[in-house]
Amino acid sequence: MKTEEHSEATAVFLHKLTAAVAELKEQLQHDYEQLYPGLGEIIRIVLEEEEAKAWELSFFPHLFLPDLVEAHIATLGLEPAGTRHDNILAPAIKAELTLAAAC
């Protein structure tokens, strides 16, 4: 029974992780295509290469992917997109600070 629950939890985790990486790649593709409209195919190749490296580095590739892409883009003589998206920790930190200030 526990093995089944563990397997199901692992499958759900992997599904969510894969979806998060795919969403991040789409956002990075969009950001870089906005900056470099004619380089969509090159950007796609960079994203694919760096995603593979990110998976080799960690079970949490989305943590490394933006920086790997940025570094690769720089080696091509291009400027990074310079966009950072919502920090998922920011709301929690703000809530803690608000609570601490109230005490």
Protein backbone atom coordinates (compact mmCIF):
# COMPACT_ATOMS: atom_id res chain seq x y z
CA MET A 1 0.00 0.00 0.00
CA LYS A 2 2.72 2.49 0.95
CA THR A 3 4.67 1.58 -2.17
CA GLU A 4 1.67 2.46 -4.32
CA GLU A 5 1.20 5.77 -2.51
CA HIS A 6 4.90 6.55 -2.88
CA SER A 7 4.82 5.67 -6.58
CA GLU A 8 1.76 7.83 -7.12
CA ALA A 9 3.31 10.76 -5.26
CA THR A 10 6.48 10.41 -7.31
CA ALA A 11 4.51 10.34 -10.54
CA VAL A 12 2.57 13.47 -9.55
CA PHE A 13 5.79 15.23 -8.57
CA LEU A 14 7.48 14.36 -11.86
CA HIS A 15 4.43 15.46 -13.83
CA LYS A 16 4.32 18.82 -12.04
CA LEU A 17 8.06 19.29 -12.38
CA THR A 18 8.01 18.52 -16.08
CA ALA A 19 5.11 20.93 -16.56
CA ALA A 20 6.96 23.65 -14.63
CA VAL A 21 10.07 23.22 -16.76
CA ALA A 22 8.00 23.33 -19.95
CA GLU A 23 6.27 26.51 -18.79
CA LEU A 24 9.60 28.09 -17.91
CA LYS A 25 11.01 27.19 -21.32
CA GLU A 26 8.00 28.77 -23.01
CA GLN A 27 8.47 31.95 -21.00
CA LEU A 28 12.19 32.08 -21.73
CA GLN A 29 11.52 31.46 -25.42
CA HIS A 30 9.00 34.31 -25.42
CA ASP A 31 11.32 36.68 -23.55
CA TYR A 32 14.28 36.04 -25.84
CA GLU A 33 12.18 36.18 -29.00
CA GLN A 34 10.88 39.57 -27.89
CA LEU A 35 14.47 40.73 -27.54
CA TYR A 36 15.75 38.97 -30.68
CA PRO A 37 12.78 38.51 -33.05
CA GLY A 38 14.70 36.81 -35.86
CA LEU A 39 16.47 34.24 -33.71
CA GLY A 40 13.60 32.01 -32.62
CA GLU A 41 15.18 28.79 -33.90
CA ILE A 42 18.55 29.53 -32.31
CA ILE A 43 16.84 30.36 -29.03
CA ARG A 44 14.91 27.08 -29.18
CA ILE A 45 18.15 25.15 -29.71
CA VAL A 46 19.82 26.95 -26.80
CA LEU A 47 16.86 26.14 -24.57
CA GLU A 48 16.94 22.46 -25.53
CA GLU A 49 20.69 22.18 -24.91
CA GLU A 50 20.55 23.97 -21.60
CA GLU A 51 17.51 22.04 -20.41
CA ALA A 52 19.46 18.82 -20.94
CA LYS A 53 22.35 20.23 -18.89
CA ALA A 54 19.97 21.41 -16.16
CA TRP A 55 18.47 17.91 -15.84
CA GLU A 56 22.00 16.51 -15.50
CA LEU A 57 22.77 18.98 -12.71
CA SER A 58 19.69 18.52 -10.58
CA PHE A 59 16.28 16.98 -10.06
CA PHE A 60 15.15 20.62 -10.00
CA PRO A 61 16.29 21.84 -13.42
CA HIS A 62 14.04 24.89 -13.38
CA LEU A 63 16.33 26.37 -10.74
CA PHE A 64 19.31 26.28 -13.10
CA LEU A 65 17.76 26.69 -16.53
CA PRO A 66 17.46 30.50 -16.66
CA ASP A 67 21.09 31.02 -15.66
CA LEU A 68 22.35 28.34 -18.05
CA VAL A 69 20.39 29.91 -20.91
CA GLU A 70 21.65 33.36 -19.99
CA ALA A 71 25.26 32.15 -20.00
CA HIS A 72 24.80 30.39 -23.35
CA ILE A 73 23.18 33.48 -24.86
CA ALA A 74 26.15 35.53 -23.66
CA THR A 75 28.58 33.18 -25.45
CA LEU A 76 26.72 34.03 -28.65
CA GLY A 77 27.50 37.69 -28.09
CA LEU A 78 23.91 38.54 -27.19
CA GLU A 79 22.56 40.30 -24.15
CA PRO A 80 20.44 38.31 -21.69
CA ALA A 81 16.72 38.97 -21.69
CA GLY A 82 17.08 40.37 -18.19
CA THR A 83 13.66 39.25 -17.10
CA ARG A 84 13.03 37.56 -13.83
CA HIS A 85 9.57 36.28 -13.21
CA ASP A 86 7.51 36.08 -10.07
CA ASN A 87 9.51 34.99 -7.10
CA ILE A 88 7.39 32.36 -5.44
CA LEU A 89 9.05 33.07 -2.10
CA ALA A 90 8.27 36.77 -2.08
CA PRO A 91 4.63 36.51 -0.92
CA ALA A 92 5.59 34.20 1.95
CA ILE A 93 8.42 36.47 3.05
CA LYS A 94 6.20 39.55 2.89
CA ALA A 95 3.53 37.80 4.95
CA GLU A 96 6.09 36.85 7.59
CA LEU A 97 7.40 40.41 7.77
CA THR A 98 3.87 41.77 8.08
CA LEU A 99 3.15 39.33 10.87
CA ALA A 100 6.42 40.18 12.63
CA ALA A 101 5.68 43.91 12.39
CA ALA A 102 2.27 43.38 13.95
CA CYS A 103 3.79 41.73 17.04
